[in-house]
PDB file of N, CA and C in Angstrom:
ATOM      1  N   MET A   1       0.845  -1.017   0.120  1.00  0.00           N
ATOM      2  CA  MET A   1      -0.011   0.100  -0.077  1.00  0.00           C
ATOM      3  C   MET A   1       1.085   1.208   0.042  1.00  0.00           C
ATOM      4  N   GLN A   2       0.512   2.232  -0.659  1.00  0.00           N
ATOM      5  CA  GLN A   2       1.153   3.262  -0.894  1.00  0.00           C
ATOM      6  C   GLN A   2      -0.035   4.511  -0.348  1.00  0.00           C
ATOM      7  N   ILE A   3       0.377   5.774   0.116  1.00  0.00           N
ATOM      8  CA  ILE A   3      -0.529   6.555   0.379  1.00  0.00           C
ATOM      9  C   ILE A   3       0.154   7.983  -0.171  1.00  0.00           C
ATOM     10  N   THR A   4      -0.513   8.974  -0.831  1.00  0.00           N
ATOM     11  CA  THR A   4      -0.075  10.300  -1.162  1.00  0.00           C
ATOM     12  C   THR A   4      -1.261  11.009  -0.440  1.00  0.00           C
ATOM     13  N   SER A   5      -0.449  12.374  -0.301  1.00  0.00           N
ATOM     14  CA  SER A   5      -1.569  13.294   0.134  1.00  0.00           C
ATOM     15  C   SER A   5      -1.028  14.880  -0.507  1.00  0.00           C
ATOM     16  N   ASN A   6      -2.094  15.535  -0.503  1.00  0.00           N
ATOM     17  CA  ASN A   6      -1.937  17.024  -0.968  1.00  0.00           C
ATOM     18  C   ASN A   6      -3.110  17.762  -0.338  1.00  0.00           C
ATOM     19  N   GLU A   7      -2.545  19.062  -0.032  1.00  0.00           N
ATOM     20  CA  GLU A   7      -3.585  19.830   0.472  1.00  0.00           C
ATOM     21  C   GLU A   7      -3.666  21.103  -0.518  1.00  0.00           C
ATOM     22  N   ILE A   8      -4.783  21.626  -0.934  1.00  0.00           N
ATOM     23  CA  ILE A   8      -5.218  22.604  -2.022  1.00  0.00           C
ATOM     24  C   ILE A   8      -6.290  23.393  -1.292  1.00  0.00           C
ATOM     25  N   ALA A   9      -5.964  24.648  -1.151  1.00  0.00           N
ATOM     26  CA  ALA A   9      -6.901  25.645  -0.602  1.00  0.00           C
ATOM     27  C   ALA A   9      -7.922  24.890   0.524  1.00  0.00           C
ATOM     28  N   ASN A  10      -6.853  24.575   1.520  1.00  0.00           N
ATOM     29  CA  ASN A  10      -7.659  24.020   2.885  1.00  0.00           C
ATOM     30  C   ASN A  10      -8.517  22.685   2.536  1.00  0.00           C
ATOM     31  N   ASN A  11      -8.168  22.056   1.645  1.00  0.00           N
ATOM     32  CA  ASN A  11      -8.766  20.817   1.325  1.00  0.00           C
ATOM     33  C   ASN A  11      -7.721  19.887   1.331  1.00  0.00           C
ATOM     34  N   LYS A  12      -7.861  18.593   2.054  1.00  0.00           N
ATOM     35  CA  LYS A  12      -6.956  17.712   2.023  1.00  0.00           C
ATOM     36  C   LYS A  12      -7.443  16.566   1.332  1.00  0.00           C
ATOM     37  N   TYR A  13      -6.403  16.257   0.386  1.00  0.00           N
ATOM     38  CA  TYR A  13      -6.857  15.085  -0.556  1.00  0.00           C
ATOM     39  C   TYR A  13      -5.839  13.756  -0.289  1.00  0.00           C
ATOM     40  N   MET A  14      -6.334  12.508  -0.116  1.00  0.00           N
ATOM     41  CA  MET A  14      -5.499  11.138  -0.036  1.00  0.00           C
ATOM     42  C   MET A  14      -5.747  10.653  -1.199  1.00  0.00           C
ATOM     43  N   GLN A  15      -4.495   9.884  -1.691  1.00  0.00           N
ATOM     44  CA  GLN A  15      -4.799   8.854  -2.698  1.00  0.00           C
ATOM     45  C   GLN A  15      -4.136   7.675  -2.035  1.00  0.00           C
ATOM     46  N   ILE A  16      -4.819   6.416  -2.285  1.00  0.00           N
ATOM     47  CA  ILE A  16      -4.429   5.328  -1.716  1.00  0.00           C
ATOM     48  C   ILE A  16      -4.390   4.297  -2.522  1.00  0.00           C
ATOM     49  N   TYR A  17      -3.240   3.896  -2.930  1.00  0.00           N
ATOM     50  CA  TYR A  17      -2.838   2.638  -3.885  1.00  0.00           C
ATOM     51  C   TYR A  17      -2.551   1.351  -3.434  1.00  0.00           C
ATOM     52  N   LEU A  18      -3.394   0.501  -3.521  1.00  0.00           N
ATOM     53  CA  LEU A  18      -3.316  -0.915  -3.094  1.00  0.00           C
ATOM     54  C   LEU A  18      -3.982  -2.088  -3.772  1.00  0.00           C
ATOM     55  N   THR A  19      -3.501  -3.172  -3.257  1.00  0.00           N
ATOM     56  CA  THR A  19      -4.252  -4.480  -3.749  1.00  0.00           C
ATOM     57  C   THR A  19      -5.322  -4.900  -3.329  1.00  0.00           C
ATOM     58  N   GLU A  20      -6.210  -5.925  -4.087  1.00  0.00           N
ATOM     59  CA  GLU A  20      -7.461  -6.402  -3.370  1.00  0.00           C
ATOM     60  C   GLU A  20      -7.206  -6.964  -2.165  1.00  0.00           C
ATOM     61  N   GLU A  21      -6.030  -7.763  -1.959  1.00  0.00           N
ATOM     62  CA  GLU A  21      -5.904  -8.295  -0.554  1.00  0.00           C
ATOM     63  C   GLU A  21      -5.568  -7.144   0.474  1.00  0.00           C
ATOM     64  N   GLU A  22      -4.756  -6.296   0.030  1.00  0.00           N
ATOM     65  CA  GLU A  22      -4.759  -5.188   0.905  1.00  0.00           C
ATOM     66  C   GLU A  22      -5.851  -4.288   1.614  1.00  0.00           C
ATOM     67  N   LEU A  23      -6.737  -4.289   0.610  1.00  0.00           N
ATOM     68  CA  LEU A  23      -8.024  -3.470   0.742  1.00  0.00           C
ATOM     69  C   LEU A  23      -8.892  -4.367   1.907  1.00  0.00           C
ATOM     70  N   LYS A  24      -8.854  -5.590   1.819  1.00  0.00           N
ATOM     71  CA  LYS A  24      -9.666  -6.479   2.918  1.00  0.00           C
ATOM     72  C   LYS A  24      -8.837  -6.544   4.386  1.00  0.00           C
ATOM     73  N   ILE A  25      -7.651  -5.944   4.428  1.00  0.00           N
ATOM     74  CA  ILE A  25      -7.292  -5.944   6.076  1.00  0.00           C
ATOM     75  C   ILE A  25      -7.884  -5.021   6.724  1.00  0.00           C
ATOM     76  N   GLN A  26      -8.374  -5.454   7.938  1.00  0.00           N
ATOM     77  CA  GLN A  26      -9.045  -4.487   8.658  1.00  0.00           C
ATOM     78  C   GLN A  26      -8.191  -3.385   9.091  1.00  0.00           C
ATOM     79  N   GLU A  27      -7.044  -3.484   9.404  1.00  0.00           N
ATOM     80  CA  GLU A  27      -6.228  -2.213  10.109  1.00  0.00           C
ATOM     81  C   GLU A  27      -6.255  -0.971   8.589  1.00  0.00           C
ATOM     82  N   ILE A  28      -6.101  -1.648   7.284  1.00  0.00           N
ATOM     83  CA  ILE A  28      -6.087  -0.486   6.306  1.00  0.00           C
ATOM     84  C   ILE A  28      -7.570   0.108   6.092  1.00  0.00           C
ATOM     85  N   GLN A  29      -8.760  -0.705   6.474  1.00  0.00           N
ATOM     86  CA  GLN A  29      -9.866  -0.178   6.664  1.00  0.00           C
ATOM     87  C   GLN A  29     -10.208   0.801   7.687  1.00  0.00           C
ATOM     88  N   ASP A  30      -9.349   0.558   8.656  1.00  0.00           N
ATOM     89  CA  ASP A  30      -9.834   1.557   9.902  1.00  0.00           C
ATOM     90  C   ASP A  30      -8.958   2.801   9.565  1.00  0.00           C
ATOM     91  N   LYS A  31      -7.630   2.387   8.853  1.00  0.00           N
ATOM     92  CA  LYS A  31      -7.096   3.863   8.445  1.00  0.00           C
ATOM     93  C   LYS A  31      -7.985   4.668   7.441  1.00  0.00           C
ATOM     94  N   ILE A  32      -8.641   4.093   6.508  1.00  0.00           N
ATOM     95  CA  ILE A  32      -9.153   4.747   5.509  1.00  0.00           C
ATOM     96  C   ILE A  32     -10.487   5.539   6.477  1.00  0.00           C
ATOM     97  N   LYS A  33     -11.075   4.823   7.391  1.00  0.00           N
ATOM     98  CA  LYS A  33     -12.311   5.596   8.116  1.00  0.00           C
ATOM     99  C   LYS A  33     -11.608   6.587   8.893  1.00  0.00           C
ATOM    100  N   GLU A  34     -10.537   6.558   9.289  1.00  0.00           N
ATOM    101  CA  GLU A  34      -9.890   7.596  10.035  1.00  0.00           C
ATOM    102  C   GLU A  34      -9.748   9.039   9.273  1.00  0.00           C
ATOM    103  N   TYR A  35      -9.398   8.790   7.985  1.00  0.00           N
ATOM    104  CA  TYR A  35      -9.167   9.604   7.058  1.00  0.00           C
ATOM    105  C   TYR A  35     -10.452  10.373   6.573  1.00  0.00           C
ATOM    106  N   LYS A  36     -11.435   9.305   6.669  1.00  0.00           N
ATOM    107  CA  LYS A  36     -12.951   9.972   6.264  1.00  0.00           C
ATOM    108  C   LYS A  36     -13.340  11.000   7.395  1.00  0.00           C
ATOM    109  N   LYS A  37     -13.020  10.556   8.846  1.00  0.00           N
ATOM    110  CA  LYS A  37     -13.461  11.266  10.010  1.00  0.00           C
ATOM    111  C   LYS A  37     -12.872  12.657   9.773  1.00  0.00           C
ATOM    112  N   GLN A  38     -11.646  12.525   9.192  1.00  0.00           N
ATOM    113  CA  GLN A  38     -10.725  13.777   9.173  1.00  0.00           C
ATOM    114  C   GLN A  38     -11.287  14.736   8.062  1.00  0.00           C
ATOM    115  N   LYS A  39     -12.334  14.411   7.454  1.00  0.00           N
ATOM    116  CA  LYS A  39     -12.728  14.932   6.397  1.00  0.00           C
ATOM    117  C   LYS A  39     -11.805  15.205   4.814  1.00  0.00           C
ATOM    118  N   CYS A  40     -11.267  14.349   4.928  1.00  0.00           N
ATOM    119  CA  CYS A  40     -10.094  14.161   3.565  1.00  0.00           C
ATOM    120  C   CYS A  40     -11.051  13.622   2.449  1.00  0.00           C
ATOM    121  N   LYS A  41     -10.767  14.569   1.420  1.00  0.00           N
ATOM    122  CA  LYS A  41     -11.053  13.741   0.235  1.00  0.00           C
ATOM    123  C   LYS A  41     -10.300  12.344  -0.242  1.00  0.00           C
ATOM    124  N   ILE A  42     -10.867  11.268  -0.388  1.00  0.00           N
ATOM    125  CA  ILE A  42     -10.013  10.230  -0.584  1.00  0.00           C
ATOM    126  C   ILE A  42     -10.300   9.239  -2.066  1.00  0.00           C
ATOM    127  N   GLY A  43      -9.165   9.131  -2.518  1.00  0.00           N
ATOM    128  CA  GLY A  43      -9.356   8.341  -3.952  1.00  0.00           C
ATOM    129  C   GLY A  43      -8.585   6.866  -3.632  1.00  0.00           C
ATOM    130  N   ILE A  44      -9.454   5.778  -3.835  1.00  0.00           N
ATOM    131  CA  ILE A  44      -8.633   4.560  -3.786  1.00  0.00           C
ATOM    132  C   ILE A  44      -8.709   3.736  -5.057  1.00  0.00           C
ATOM    133  N   PHE A  45      -7.237   3.277  -5.418  1.00  0.00           N
ATOM    134  CA  PHE A  45      -7.248   2.701  -6.499  1.00  0.00           C
ATOM    135  C   PHE A  45      -6.489   1.141  -6.154  1.00  0.00           C
ATOM    136  N   VAL A  46      -7.181   0.401  -6.784  1.00  0.00           N
ATOM    137  CA  VAL A  46      -7.080  -1.110  -6.427  1.00  0.00           C
ATOM    138  C   VAL A  46      -6.519  -1.693  -7.959  1.00  0.00           C
ATOM    139  N   THR A  47      -5.358  -2.551  -7.621  1.00  0.00           N
ATOM    140  CA  THR A  47      -4.692  -3.283  -8.832  1.00  0.00           C
ATOM    141  C   THR A  47      -4.675  -4.682  -8.407  1.00  0.00           C
ATOM    142  N   GLY A  48      -4.332  -5.643  -9.121  1.00  0.00           N
ATOM    143  CA  GLY A  48      -3.922  -7.027  -8.754  1.00  0.00           C
ATOM    144  C   GLY A  48      -2.518  -6.947  -8.675  1.00  0.00           C
ATOM    145  N   LYS A  49      -1.867  -7.867  -7.894  1.00  0.00           N
ATOM    146  CA  LYS A  49      -0.765  -8.230  -7.459  1.00  0.00           C
ATOM    147  C   LYS A  49       0.352  -7.918  -8.611  1.00  0.00           C
ATOM    148  N   GLU A  50       0.263  -8.829  -9.621  1.00  0.00           N
ATOM    149  CA  GLU A  50       1.139  -8.505 -10.790  1.00  0.00           C
ATOM    150  C   GLU A  50       1.370  -6.989 -11.314  1.00  0.00           C
ATOM    151  N   ASN A  51       0.413  -6.472 -11.346  1.00  0.00           N
ATOM    152  CA  ASN A  51       0.592  -5.184 -12.110  1.00  0.00           C
ATOM    153  C   ASN A  51       0.669  -3.855 -10.798  1.00  0.00           C
ATOM    154  N   TYR A  52       0.600  -4.126  -9.709  1.00  0.00           N
ATOM    155  CA  TYR A  52       0.951  -3.242  -8.735  1.00  0.00           C
ATOM    156  C   TYR A  52       1.981  -2.130  -9.059  1.00  0.00           C
ATOM    157  N   PRO A  53       3.288  -2.594  -9.114  1.00  0.00           N
ATOM    158  CA  PRO A  53       4.628  -1.674  -9.343  1.00  0.00           C
ATOM    159  C   PRO A  53       4.188  -1.106 -10.487  1.00  0.00           C
ATOM    160  N   GLU A  54       3.923  -1.615 -11.510  1.00  0.00           N
ATOM    161  CA  GLU A  54       3.829  -0.981 -12.863  1.00  0.00           C
ATOM    162  C   GLU A  54       2.644   0.168 -12.949  1.00  0.00           C
ATOM    163  N   VAL A  55       1.560  -0.307 -12.234  1.00  0.00           N
ATOM    164  CA  VAL A  55       0.525   1.051 -12.120  1.00  0.00           C
ATOM    165  C   VAL A  55       0.830   2.014 -11.405  1.00  0.00           C
ATOM    166  N   LEU A  56       1.593   1.765 -10.208  1.00  0.00           N
ATOM    167  CA  LEU A  56       2.044   3.061  -9.190  1.00  0.00           C
ATOM    168  C   LEU A  56       3.392   3.880 -10.044  1.00  0.00           C
ATOM    169  N   ASN A  57       3.913   3.076 -10.764  1.00  0.00           N
ATOM    170  CA  ASN A  57       5.000   3.700 -11.716  1.00  0.00           C
ATOM    171  C   ASN A  57       4.400   4.757 -12.550  1.00  0.00           C
ATOM    172  N   LYS A  58       3.298   4.315 -13.251  1.00  0.00           N
ATOM    173  CA  LYS A  58       2.609   5.175 -14.283  1.00  0.00           C
ATOM    174  C   LYS A  58       1.849   6.386 -13.680  1.00  0.00           C
ATOM    175  N   ILE A  59       1.186   6.209 -12.377  1.00  0.00           N
ATOM    176  CA  ILE A  59       0.544   7.127 -11.853  1.00  0.00           C
ATOM    177  C   ILE A  59       1.558   8.445 -11.337  1.00  0.00           C
ATOM    178  N   VAL A  60       2.433   7.826 -10.545  1.00  0.00           N
ATOM    179  CA  VAL A  60       3.401   8.906 -10.175  1.00  0.00           C
ATOM    180  C   VAL A  60       4.262   9.446 -11.325  1.00  0.00           C
ATOM    181  N   THR A  61       4.558   8.942 -12.434  1.00  0.00           N
ATOM    182  CA  THR A  61       5.241   9.617 -13.683  1.00  0.00           C
ATOM    183  C   THR A  61       3.964  10.543 -13.958  1.00  0.00           C
ATOM    184  N   LYS A  62       2.665  10.275 -13.875  1.00  0.00           N
ATOM    185  CA  LYS A  62       1.756  11.443 -14.598  1.00  0.00           C
ATOM    186  C   LYS A  62       1.687  12.508 -13.524  1.00  0.00           C
ATOM    187  N   GLN A  63       1.653  12.103 -12.420  1.00  0.00           N
ATOM    188  CA  GLN A  63       1.500  13.269 -11.361  1.00  0.00           C
ATOM    189  C   GLN A  63       2.968  14.408 -11.398  1.00  0.00           C
ATOM    190  N   VAL A  64       3.877  13.645 -11.583  1.00  0.00           N
ATOM    191  CA  VAL A  64       5.029  14.439 -11.886  1.00  0.00           C
ATOM    192  C   VAL A  64       5.047  15.446 -13.192  1.00  0.00           C
ATOM    193  N   GLU A  65       4.653  14.665 -14.113  1.00  0.00           N
ATOM    194  CA  GLU A  65       4.242  15.634 -15.466  1.00  0.00           C
ATOM    195  C   GLU A  65       3.536  16.618 -15.318  1.00  0.00           C
ATOM    196  N   LEU A  66       2.289  16.253 -14.598  1.00  0.00           N
ATOM    197  CA  LEU A  66       1.261  17.388 -14.316  1.00  0.00           C
ATOM    198  C   LEU A  66       1.814  18.370 -13.365  1.00  0.00           C
ATOM    199  N   SER A  67       2.395  18.282 -12.344  1.00  0.00           N
ATOM    200  CA  SER A  67       3.145  19.119 -11.437  1.00  0.00           C
ATOM    201  C   SER A  67       4.278  20.001 -12.209  1.00  0.00           C
ATOM    202  N   ASP A  68       4.907  19.513 -13.029  1.00  0.00           N
ATOM    203  CA  ASP A  68       5.833  20.273 -13.785  1.00  0.00           C
ATOM    204  C   ASP A  68       5.087  21.230 -14.818  1.00  0.00           C
ATOM    205  N   ASN A  69       4.125  20.981 -15.196  1.00  0.00           N
ATOM    206  CA  ASN A  69       3.153  21.802 -16.132  1.00  0.00           C
ATOM    207  C   ASN A  69       2.730  22.851 -15.481  1.00  0.00           C
ATOM    208  N   VAL A  70       2.329  23.045 -14.417  1.00  0.00           N
ATOM    209  CA  VAL A  70       1.683  23.948 -13.269  1.00  0.00           C
ATOM    210  C   VAL A  70       2.816  25.056 -13.167  1.00  0.00           C
ATOM    211  N   CYS A  71       2.023  26.233 -13.486  1.00  0.00           N
ATOM    212  CA  CYS A  71       2.789  27.654 -13.659  1.00  0.00           C
ATOM    213  C   CYS A  71       2.967  28.370 -12.162  1.00  0.00           C
TER     214      CYS A  71
END
């Protein structure tokens, strides 16, 4: 599991990347509920085991490209 966070205009955004197996773990479910209690905007991205590192790499690469294009 990997979590990234950003704060924009006093809104906190959390992106959670995990596998289907990780999503079933109670500790992770509790962490997601805690973020919801904090009024965070949450995006959950679920992928299979075999594609997990590849998907994360693509997402992080895209985020870097987008942040490089911000004036």
